[in-house]
Amino acid sequence: MDAIRDLVNRTVGLIGGVRDTKSHITMQKAKDGAAISVSLRLIIGQEKNVAALSETVSARVREQLAQTLGLTDVPIYVKIVGITDAAPIRKHRVV
């Protein structure tokens, strides 16, 4: 599940307008295998449309899960927990 969480966080982090991401991956046993769902809590910039950004995030995460892991029909729940006008925090890369 850590690999899925890392993939989701990396994918969402590349989307413009997203300031912070917290993801939660849930696995449940289903009759035809394991059922996975993704819950995202986002802080976004005020310059973005909330509905459009939520759709973009869902689509990109769904696309990455399908391409990278072969997971399809994964429910993705996006919750916007904050809107900020602060500049995004960029971590310095250590070489």
PDB file of N, CA and C in Angstrom:
ATOM      1  N   MET A   1       0.812  -1.198   0.000  1.00  0.00           N
ATOM      2  CA  MET A   1       0.000   0.000   0.000  1.00  0.00           C
ATOM      3  C   MET A   1       0.856   1.263   0.000  1.00  0.00           C
ATOM      4  N   ASP A   2       2.070   1.158   0.531  1.00  0.00           N
ATOM      5  CA  ASP A   2       2.947   2.329   0.521  1.00  0.00           C
ATOM      6  C   ASP A   2       3.303   2.739  -0.898  1.00  0.00           C
ATOM      7  N   ALA A   3       3.488   1.760  -1.767  1.00  0.00           N
ATOM      8  CA  ALA A   3       3.810   2.071  -3.163  1.00  0.00           C
ATOM      9  C   ALA A   3       2.650   2.796  -3.837  1.00  0.00           C
ATOM     10  N   ILE A   4       1.438   2.366  -3.549  1.00  0.00           N
ATOM     11  CA  ILE A   4       0.259   3.027  -4.123  1.00  0.00           C
ATOM     12  C   ILE A   4       0.155   4.449  -3.592  1.00  0.00           C
ATOM     13  N   ARG A   5       0.365   4.609  -2.284  1.00  0.00           N
ATOM     14  CA  ARG A   5       0.292   5.940  -1.668  1.00  0.00           C
ATOM     15  C   ARG A   5       1.350   6.868  -2.261  1.00  0.00           C
ATOM     16  N   ASP A   6       2.574   6.365  -2.443  1.00  0.00           N
ATOM     17  CA  ASP A   6       3.638   7.179  -3.033  1.00  0.00           C
ATOM     18  C   ASP A   6       3.303   7.590  -4.457  1.00  0.00           C
ATOM     19  N   LEU A   7       2.773   6.662  -5.238  1.00  0.00           N
ATOM     20  CA  LEU A   7       2.384   6.965  -6.615  1.00  0.00           C
ATOM     21  C   LEU A   7       1.298   8.037  -6.650  1.00  0.00           C
ATOM     22  N   VAL A   8       0.307   7.903  -5.779  1.00  0.00           N
ATOM     23  CA  VAL A   8      -0.790   8.879  -5.721  1.00  0.00           C
ATOM     24  C   VAL A   8      -0.261  10.247  -5.307  1.00  0.00           C
ATOM     25  N   ASN A   9       0.546  10.293  -4.257  1.00  0.00           N
ATOM     26  CA  ASN A   9       1.080  11.578  -3.784  1.00  0.00           C
ATOM     27  C   ASN A   9       1.954  12.249  -4.837  1.00  0.00           C
ATOM     28  N   ARG A  10       2.774  11.468  -5.533  1.00  0.00           N
ATOM     29  CA  ARG A  10       3.629  12.025  -6.579  1.00  0.00           C
ATOM     30  C   ARG A  10       2.787  12.566  -7.733  1.00  0.00           C
ATOM     31  N   THR A  11       1.757  11.836  -8.109  1.00  0.00           N
ATOM     32  CA  THR A  11       0.884  12.258  -9.204  1.00  0.00           C
ATOM     33  C   THR A  11       0.157  13.549  -8.860  1.00  0.00           C
ATOM     34  N   VAL A  12      -0.407  13.619  -7.665  1.00  0.00           N
ATOM     35  CA  VAL A  12      -1.152  14.813  -7.254  1.00  0.00           C
ATOM     36  C   VAL A  12      -0.214  15.999  -7.075  1.00  0.00           C
ATOM     37  N   GLY A  13       0.995  15.754  -6.589  1.00  0.00           N
ATOM     38  CA  GLY A  13       1.963  16.826  -6.385  1.00  0.00           C
ATOM     39  C   GLY A  13       2.378  17.529  -7.660  1.00  0.00           C
ATOM     40  N   LEU A  14       2.241  16.864  -8.794  1.00  0.00           N
ATOM     41  CA  LEU A  14       2.612  17.463 -10.078  1.00  0.00           C
ATOM     42  C   LEU A  14       1.504  18.322 -10.684  1.00  0.00           C
ATOM     43  N   ILE A  15       0.336  18.322 -10.080  1.00  0.00           N
ATOM     44  CA  ILE A  15      -0.797  19.082 -10.609  1.00  0.00           C
ATOM     45  C   ILE A  15      -0.725  20.509 -10.082  1.00  0.00           C
ATOM     46  N   GLY A  16      -0.763  21.466 -10.980  1.00  0.00           N
ATOM     47  CA  GLY A  16      -0.701  22.872 -10.597  1.00  0.00           C
ATOM     48  C   GLY A  16      -1.903  23.280  -9.761  1.00  0.00           C
ATOM     49  N   GLY A  17      -1.643  24.032  -8.706  1.00  0.00           N
ATOM     50  CA  GLY A  17      -2.714  24.508  -7.843  1.00  0.00           C
ATOM     51  C   GLY A  17      -2.853  23.718  -6.560  1.00  0.00           C
ATOM     52  N   VAL A  18      -2.268  22.526  -6.498  1.00  0.00           N
ATOM     53  CA  VAL A  18      -2.333  21.713  -5.286  1.00  0.00           C
ATOM     54  C   VAL A  18      -1.154  22.097  -4.401  1.00  0.00           C
ATOM     55  N   ARG A  19      -1.449  22.538  -3.183  1.00  0.00           N
ATOM     56  CA  ARG A  19      -0.402  22.973  -2.254  1.00  0.00           C
ATOM     57  C   ARG A  19       0.050  21.852  -1.322  1.00  0.00           C
ATOM     58  N   ASP A  20      -0.896  21.023  -0.858  1.00  0.00           N
ATOM     59  CA  ASP A  20      -0.558  19.949   0.075  1.00  0.00           C
ATOM     60  C   ASP A  20      -1.521  18.793  -0.141  1.00  0.00           C
ATOM     61  N   THR A  21      -1.025  17.581   0.054  1.00  0.00           N
ATOM     62  CA  THR A  21      -1.823  16.376  -0.168  1.00  0.00           C
ATOM     63  C   THR A  21      -1.645  15.411   0.985  1.00  0.00           C
ATOM     64  N   LYS A  22      -2.739  14.847   1.436  1.00  0.00           N
ATOM     65  CA  LYS A  22      -2.705  13.724   2.368  1.00  0.00           C
ATOM     66  C   LYS A  22      -3.587  12.651   1.761  1.00  0.00           C
ATOM     67  N   SER A  23      -3.034  11.471   1.608  1.00  0.00           N
ATOM     68  CA  SER A  23      -3.799  10.398   0.976  1.00  0.00           C
ATOM     69  C   SER A  23      -3.968   9.229   1.933  1.00  0.00           C
ATOM     70  N   HIS A  24      -5.073   8.526   1.742  1.00  0.00           N
ATOM     71  CA  HIS A  24      -5.374   7.339   2.536  1.00  0.00           C
ATOM     72  C   HIS A  24      -5.845   6.257   1.571  1.00  0.00           C
ATOM     73  N   ILE A  25      -5.177   5.119   1.595  1.00  0.00           N
ATOM     74  CA  ILE A  25      -5.509   4.003   0.720  1.00  0.00           C
ATOM     75  C   ILE A  25      -6.208   2.946   1.566  1.00  0.00           C
ATOM     76  N   THR A  26      -7.371   2.492   1.106  1.00  0.00           N
ATOM     77  CA  THR A  26      -8.137   1.482   1.827  1.00  0.00           C
ATOM     78  C   THR A  26      -8.260   0.238   0.959  1.00  0.00           C
ATOM     79  N   MET A  27      -7.997  -0.913   1.568  1.00  0.00           N
ATOM     80  CA  MET A  27      -8.165  -2.190   0.868  1.00  0.00           C
ATOM     81  C   MET A  27      -9.215  -3.006   1.604  1.00  0.00           C
ATOM     82  N   GLN A  28     -10.126  -3.575   0.835  1.00  0.00           N
ATOM     83  CA  GLN A  28     -11.148  -4.449   1.402  1.00  0.00           C
ATOM     84  C   GLN A  28     -11.197  -5.714   0.572  1.00  0.00           C
ATOM     85  N   LYS A  29     -11.480  -6.817   1.225  1.00  0.00           N
ATOM     86  CA  LYS A  29     -11.612  -8.068   0.487  1.00  0.00           C
ATOM     87  C   LYS A  29     -12.946  -8.073  -0.244  1.00  0.00           C
ATOM     88  N   ALA A  30     -12.883  -8.416  -1.509  1.00  0.00           N
ATOM     89  CA  ALA A  30     -14.088  -8.537  -2.321  1.00  0.00           C
ATOM     90  C   ALA A  30     -14.141  -9.946  -2.895  1.00  0.00           C
ATOM     91  N   LYS A  31     -15.266 -10.304  -3.447  1.00  0.00           N
ATOM     92  CA  LYS A  31     -15.424 -11.652  -3.997  1.00  0.00           C
ATOM     93  C   LYS A  31     -14.477 -11.906  -5.162  1.00  0.00           C
ATOM     94  N   ASP A  32     -14.199 -10.877  -5.942  1.00  0.00           N
ATOM     95  CA  ASP A  32     -13.344 -11.046  -7.117  1.00  0.00           C
ATOM     96  C   ASP A  32     -11.933 -10.509  -6.905  1.00  0.00           C
ATOM     97  N   GLY A  33     -11.491 -10.387  -5.673  1.00  0.00           N
ATOM     98  CA  GLY A  33     -10.155  -9.884  -5.375  1.00  0.00           C
ATOM     99  C   GLY A  33     -10.221  -8.755  -4.361  1.00  0.00           C
ATOM    100  N   ALA A  34      -9.128  -8.036  -4.217  1.00  0.00           N
ATOM    101  CA  ALA A  34      -9.075  -6.927  -3.266  1.00  0.00           C
ATOM    102  C   ALA A  34      -9.634  -5.667  -3.908  1.00  0.00           C
ATOM    103  N   ALA A  35     -10.479  -4.980  -3.180  1.00  0.00           N
ATOM    104  CA  ALA A  35     -11.033  -3.711  -3.655  1.00  0.00           C
ATOM    105  C   ALA A  35     -10.254  -2.578  -2.993  1.00  0.00           C
ATOM    106  N   ILE A  36      -9.793  -1.646  -3.794  1.00  0.00           N
ATOM    107  CA  ILE A  36      -8.983  -0.534  -3.305  1.00  0.00           C
ATOM    108  C   ILE A  36      -9.748   0.760  -3.519  1.00  0.00           C
ATOM    109  N   SER A  37      -9.661   1.668  -2.541  1.00  0.00           N
ATOM    110  CA  SER A  37     -10.209   3.011  -2.716  1.00  0.00           C
ATOM    111  C   SER A  37      -9.166   4.016  -2.242  1.00  0.00           C
ATOM    112  N   VAL A  38      -9.214   5.207  -2.822  1.00  0.00           N
ATOM    113  CA  VAL A  38      -8.253   6.262  -2.519  1.00  0.00           C
ATOM    114  C   VAL A  38      -9.019   7.473  -2.006  1.00  0.00           C
ATOM    115  N   SER A  39      -8.630   7.969  -0.828  1.00  0.00           N
ATOM    116  CA  SER A  39      -9.202   9.192  -0.271  1.00  0.00           C
ATOM    117  C   SER A  39      -8.106  10.246  -0.216  1.00  0.00           C
ATOM    118  N   LEU A  40      -8.393  11.420  -0.749  1.00  0.00           N
ATOM    119  CA  LEU A  40      -7.418  12.505  -0.787  1.00  0.00           C
ATOM    120  C   LEU A  40      -7.951  13.712  -0.035  1.00  0.00           C
ATOM    121  N   ARG A  41      -7.089  14.323   0.768  1.00  0.00           N
ATOM    122  CA  ARG A  41      -7.399  15.582   1.442  1.00  0.00           C
ATOM    123  C   ARG A  41      -6.406  16.602   0.896  1.00  0.00           C
ATOM    124  N   LEU A  42      -6.930  17.636   0.244  1.00  0.00           N
ATOM    125  CA  LEU A  42      -6.075  18.591  -0.453  1.00  0.00           C
ATOM    126  C   LEU A  42      -6.211  19.995   0.108  1.00  0.00           C
ATOM    127  N   ILE A  43      -5.102  20.711   0.090  1.00  0.00           N
ATOM    128  CA  ILE A  43      -5.098  22.161   0.273  1.00  0.00           C
ATOM    129  C   ILE A  43      -4.696  22.721  -1.078  1.00  0.00           C
ATOM    130  N   ILE A  44      -5.512  23.635  -1.591  1.00  0.00           N
ATOM    131  CA  ILE A  44      -5.275  24.151  -2.940  1.00  0.00           C
ATOM    132  C   ILE A  44      -5.083  25.658  -2.906  1.00  0.00           C
ATOM    133  N   GLY A  45      -4.546  26.191  -3.996  1.00  0.00           N
ATOM    134  CA  GLY A  45      -4.382  27.628  -4.155  1.00  0.00           C
ATOM    135  C   GLY A  45      -5.698  28.269  -4.554  1.00  0.00           C
ATOM    136  N   GLN A  46      -5.866  29.518  -4.191  1.00  0.00           N
ATOM    137  CA  GLN A  46      -7.136  30.191  -4.456  1.00  0.00           C
ATOM    138  C   GLN A  46      -7.331  30.540  -5.925  1.00  0.00           C
ATOM    139  N   GLU A  47      -6.293  30.393  -6.739  1.00  0.00           N
ATOM    140  CA  GLU A  47      -6.400  30.748  -8.150  1.00  0.00           C
ATOM    141  C   GLU A  47      -7.085  29.665  -8.975  1.00  0.00           C
ATOM    142  N   LYS A  48      -7.359  28.506  -8.393  1.00  0.00           N
ATOM    143  CA  LYS A  48      -7.933  27.386  -9.135  1.00  0.00           C
ATOM    144  C   LYS A  48      -9.408  27.190  -8.812  1.00  0.00           C
ATOM    145  N   ASN A  49     -10.150  26.712  -9.807  1.00  0.00           N
ATOM    146  CA  ASN A  49     -11.550  26.357  -9.642  1.00  0.00           C
ATOM    147  C   ASN A  49     -11.607  25.012  -8.913  1.00  0.00           C
ATOM    148  N   VAL A  50     -12.338  24.953  -7.805  1.00  0.00           N
ATOM    149  CA  VAL A  50     -12.367  23.759  -6.963  1.00  0.00           C
ATOM    150  C   VAL A  50     -12.916  22.549  -7.719  1.00  0.00           C
ATOM    151  N   ALA A  51     -14.031  22.721  -8.405  1.00  0.00           N
ATOM    152  CA  ALA A  51     -14.653  21.594  -9.110  1.00  0.00           C
ATOM    153  C   ALA A  51     -13.751  21.071 -10.228  1.00  0.00           C
ATOM    154  N   ALA A  52     -13.179  21.979 -10.996  1.00  0.00           N
ATOM    155  CA  ALA A  52     -12.310  21.570 -12.106  1.00  0.00           C
ATOM    156  C   ALA A  52     -11.048  20.881 -11.587  1.00  0.00           C
ATOM    157  N   LEU A  53     -10.472  21.417 -10.522  1.00  0.00           N
ATOM    158  CA  LEU A  53      -9.261  20.822  -9.961  1.00  0.00           C
ATOM    159  C   LEU A  53      -9.546  19.434  -9.383  1.00  0.00           C
ATOM    160  N   SER A  54     -10.687  19.276  -8.726  1.00  0.00           N
ATOM    161  CA  SER A  54     -11.069  17.964  -8.188  1.00  0.00           C
ATOM    162  C   SER A  54     -11.204  16.936  -9.299  1.00  0.00           C
ATOM    163  N   GLU A  55     -11.822  17.338 -10.403  1.00  0.00           N
ATOM    164  CA  GLU A  55     -11.967  16.441 -11.554  1.00  0.00           C
ATOM    165  C   GLU A  55     -10.607  16.082 -12.154  1.00  0.00           C
ATOM    166  N   THR A  56      -9.738  17.074 -12.268  1.00  0.00           N
ATOM    167  CA  THR A  56      -8.402  16.837 -12.815  1.00  0.00           C
ATOM    168  C   THR A  56      -7.621  15.867 -11.939  1.00  0.00           C
ATOM    169  N   VAL A  57      -7.670  16.079 -10.629  1.00  0.00           N
ATOM    170  CA  VAL A  57      -6.962  15.203  -9.692  1.00  0.00           C
ATOM    171  C   VAL A  57      -7.483  13.775  -9.811  1.00  0.00           C
ATOM    172  N   SER A  58      -8.792  13.610  -9.798  1.00  0.00           N
ATOM    173  CA  SER A  58      -9.382  12.269  -9.899  1.00  0.00           C
ATOM    174  C   SER A  58      -8.976  11.579 -11.193  1.00  0.00           C
ATOM    175  N   ALA A  59      -9.049  12.308 -12.295  1.00  0.00           N
ATOM    176  CA  ALA A  59      -8.728  11.724 -13.599  1.00  0.00           C
ATOM    177  C   ALA A  59      -7.262  11.313 -13.686  1.00  0.00           C
ATOM    178  N   ARG A  60      -6.363  12.170 -13.212  1.00  0.00           N
ATOM    179  CA  ARG A  60      -4.929  11.859 -13.301  1.00  0.00           C
ATOM    180  C   ARG A  60      -4.547  10.682 -12.405  1.00  0.00           C
ATOM    181  N   VAL A  61      -5.113  10.650 -11.193  1.00  0.00           N
ATOM    182  CA  VAL A  61      -4.814   9.534 -10.289  1.00  0.00           C
ATOM    183  C   VAL A  61      -5.357   8.234 -10.874  1.00  0.00           C
ATOM    184  N   ARG A  62      -6.572   8.270 -11.377  1.00  0.00           N
ATOM    185  CA  ARG A  62      -7.176   7.082 -11.982  1.00  0.00           C
ATOM    186  C   ARG A  62      -6.331   6.590 -13.171  1.00  0.00           C
ATOM    187  N   GLU A  63      -5.871   7.539 -13.981  1.00  0.00           N
ATOM    188  CA  GLU A  63      -5.045   7.209 -15.148  1.00  0.00           C
ATOM    189  C   GLU A  63      -3.718   6.572 -14.731  1.00  0.00           C
ATOM    190  N   GLN A  64      -3.060   7.140 -13.725  1.00  0.00           N
ATOM    191  CA  GLN A  64      -1.777   6.595 -13.261  1.00  0.00           C
ATOM    192  C   GLN A  64      -1.936   5.208 -12.649  1.00  0.00           C
ATOM    193  N   LEU A  65      -3.003   5.003 -11.877  1.00  0.00           N
ATOM    194  CA  LEU A  65      -3.231   3.692 -11.277  1.00  0.00           C
ATOM    195  C   LEU A  65      -3.461   2.639 -12.360  1.00  0.00           C
ATOM    196  N   ALA A  66      -4.159   3.020 -13.414  1.00  0.00           N
ATOM    197  CA  ALA A  66      -4.423   2.082 -14.510  1.00  0.00           C
ATOM    198  C   ALA A  66      -3.148   1.796 -15.299  1.00  0.00           C
ATOM    199  N   GLN A  67      -2.380   2.840 -15.620  1.00  0.00           N
ATOM    200  CA  GLN A  67      -1.172   2.660 -16.430  1.00  0.00           C
ATOM    201  C   GLN A  67      -0.063   1.939 -15.680  1.00  0.00           C
ATOM    202  N   THR A  68       0.165   2.338 -14.445  1.00  0.00           N
ATOM    203  CA  THR A  68       1.306   1.821 -13.700  1.00  0.00           C
ATOM    204  C   THR A  68       1.030   0.483 -13.023  1.00  0.00           C
ATOM    205  N   LEU A  69      -0.142   0.365 -12.395  1.00  0.00           N
ATOM    206  CA  LEU A  69      -0.429  -0.829 -11.603  1.00  0.00           C
ATOM    207  C   LEU A  69      -1.507  -1.726 -12.201  1.00  0.00           C
ATOM    208  N   GLY A  70      -2.142  -1.271 -13.264  1.00  0.00           N
ATOM    209  CA  GLY A  70      -3.201  -2.067 -13.875  1.00  0.00           C
ATOM    210  C   GLY A  70      -4.489  -2.089 -13.075  1.00  0.00           C
ATOM    211  N   LEU A  71      -4.658  -1.131 -12.168  1.00  0.00           N
ATOM    212  CA  LEU A  71      -5.866  -1.057 -11.343  1.00  0.00           C
ATOM    213  C   LEU A  71      -6.908  -0.196 -12.047  1.00  0.00           C
ATOM    214  N   THR A  72      -8.083  -0.755 -12.250  1.00  0.00           N
ATOM    215  CA  THR A  72      -9.166  -0.006 -12.888  1.00  0.00           C
ATOM    216  C   THR A  72     -10.358   0.053 -11.944  1.00  0.00           C
ATOM    217  N   ASP A  73     -11.257   0.955 -12.223  1.00  0.00           N
ATOM    218  CA  ASP A  73     -12.482   1.137 -11.424  1.00  0.00           C
ATOM    219  C   ASP A  73     -12.176   1.372  -9.950  1.00  0.00           C
ATOM    220  N   VAL A  74     -11.174   2.180  -9.673  1.00  0.00           N
ATOM    221  CA  VAL A  74     -10.809   2.519  -8.299  1.00  0.00           C
ATOM    222  C   VAL A  74     -11.563   3.784  -7.901  1.00  0.00           C
ATOM    223  N   PRO A  75     -12.378   3.716  -6.841  1.00  0.00           N
ATOM    224  CA  PRO A  75     -13.058   4.935  -6.391  1.00  0.00           C
ATOM    225  C   PRO A  75     -12.044   5.913  -5.794  1.00  0.00           C
ATOM    226  N   ILE A  76     -12.151   7.174  -6.200  1.00  0.00           N
ATOM    227  CA  ILE A  76     -11.253   8.211  -5.703  1.00  0.00           C
ATOM    228  C   ILE A  76     -12.108   9.310  -5.098  1.00  0.00           C
ATOM    229  N   TYR A  77     -11.896   9.564  -3.817  1.00  0.00           N
ATOM    230  CA  TYR A  77     -12.657  10.576  -3.092  1.00  0.00           C
ATOM    231  C   TYR A  77     -11.742  11.763  -2.829  1.00  0.00           C
ATOM    232  N   VAL A  78     -12.138  12.935  -3.306  1.00  0.00           N
ATOM    233  CA  VAL A  78     -11.334  14.146  -3.150  1.00  0.00           C
ATOM    234  C   VAL A  78     -12.068  15.085  -2.213  1.00  0.00           C
ATOM    235  N   LYS A  79     -11.380  15.503  -1.158  1.00  0.00           N
ATOM    236  CA  LYS A  79     -11.947  16.458  -0.211  1.00  0.00           C
ATOM    237  C   LYS A  79     -10.999  17.650  -0.131  1.00  0.00           C
ATOM    238  N   ILE A  80     -11.523  18.832  -0.413  1.00  0.00           N
ATOM    239  CA  ILE A  80     -10.734  20.057  -0.300  1.00  0.00           C
ATOM    240  C   ILE A  80     -10.869  20.539   1.142  1.00  0.00           C
ATOM    241  N   VAL A  81      -9.767  20.528   1.884  1.00  0.00           N
ATOM    242  CA  VAL A  81      -9.806  20.905   3.291  1.00  0.00           C
ATOM    243  C   VAL A  81      -9.316  22.325   3.531  1.00  0.00           C
ATOM    244  N   GLY A  82      -8.768  22.953   2.492  1.00  0.00           N
ATOM    245  CA  GLY A  82      -8.293  24.318   2.663  1.00  0.00           C
ATOM    246  C   GLY A  82      -7.984  24.980   1.342  1.00  0.00           C
ATOM    247  N   ILE A  83      -8.165  26.298   1.337  1.00  0.00           N
ATOM    248  CA  ILE A  83      -7.808  27.114   0.178  1.00  0.00           C
ATOM    249  C   ILE A  83      -6.893  28.209   0.699  1.00  0.00           C
ATOM    250  N   THR A  84      -5.734  28.358   0.082  1.00  0.00           N
ATOM    251  CA  THR A  84      -4.749  29.301   0.582  1.00  0.00           C
ATOM    252  C   THR A  84      -4.242  30.196  -0.539  1.00  0.00           C
ATOM    253  N   ASP A  85      -3.724  31.348  -0.137  1.00  0.00           N
ATOM    254  CA  ASP A  85      -3.090  32.227  -1.118  1.00  0.00           C
ATOM    255  C   ASP A  85      -1.569  32.224  -0.944  1.00  0.00           C
ATOM    256  N   ALA A  86      -1.078  31.377  -0.050  1.00  0.00           N
ATOM    257  CA  ALA A  86       0.363  31.276   0.176  1.00  0.00           C
ATOM    258  C   ALA A  86       1.029  30.584  -1.008  1.00  0.00           C
ATOM    259  N   ALA A  87       2.257  30.961  -1.256  1.00  0.00           N
ATOM    260  CA  ALA A  87       3.029  30.340  -2.339  1.00  0.00           C
ATOM    261  C   ALA A  87       3.316  28.887  -1.974  1.00  0.00           C
ATOM    262  N   PRO A  88       3.397  28.017  -2.963  1.00  0.00           N
ATOM    263  CA  PRO A  88       3.698  26.614  -2.670  1.00  0.00           C
ATOM    264  C   PRO A  88       5.079  26.469  -2.047  1.00  0.00           C
ATOM    265  N   ILE A  89       5.189  25.558  -1.118  1.00  0.00           N
ATOM    266  CA  ILE A  89       6.465  25.292  -0.453  1.00  0.00           C
ATOM    267  C   ILE A  89       7.229  24.284  -1.295  1.00  0.00           C
ATOM    268  N   ARG A  90       8.392  24.671  -1.738  1.00  0.00           N
ATOM    269  CA  ARG A  90       9.237  23.784  -2.540  1.00  0.00           C
ATOM    270  C   ARG A  90      10.370  23.281  -1.664  1.00  0.00           C
ATOM    271  N   LYS A  91      10.527  21.985  -1.630  1.00  0.00           N
ATOM    272  CA  LYS A  91      11.616  21.393  -0.863  1.00  0.00           C
ATOM    273  C   LYS A  91      12.887  21.497  -1.684  1.00  0.00           C
ATOM    274  N   HIS A  92      13.974  21.837  -1.019  1.00  0.00           N
ATOM    275  CA  HIS A  92      15.257  21.943  -1.700  1.00  0.00           C
ATOM    276  C   HIS A  92      15.806  20.552  -1.961  1.00  0.00           C
ATOM    277  N   ARG A  93      16.293  20.381  -3.139  1.00  0.00           N
ATOM    278  CA  ARG A  93      16.844  19.092  -3.526  1.00  0.00           C
ATOM    279  C   ARG A  93      18.301  19.020  -3.103  1.00  0.00           C
ATOM    280  N   VAL A  94      18.642  17.951  -2.431  1.00  0.00           N
ATOM    281  CA  VAL A  94      20.012  17.741  -1.989  1.00  0.00           C
ATOM    282  C   VAL A  94      20.695  16.851  -3.012  1.00  0.00           C
ATOM    283  N   VAL A  95      21.839  17.326  -3.499  1.00  0.00           N
ATOM    284  CA  VAL A  95      22.556  16.568  -4.531  1.00  0.00           C
ATOM    285  C   VAL A  95      23.799  15.968  -3.949  1.00  0.00           C
TER     286      VAL A  95
END
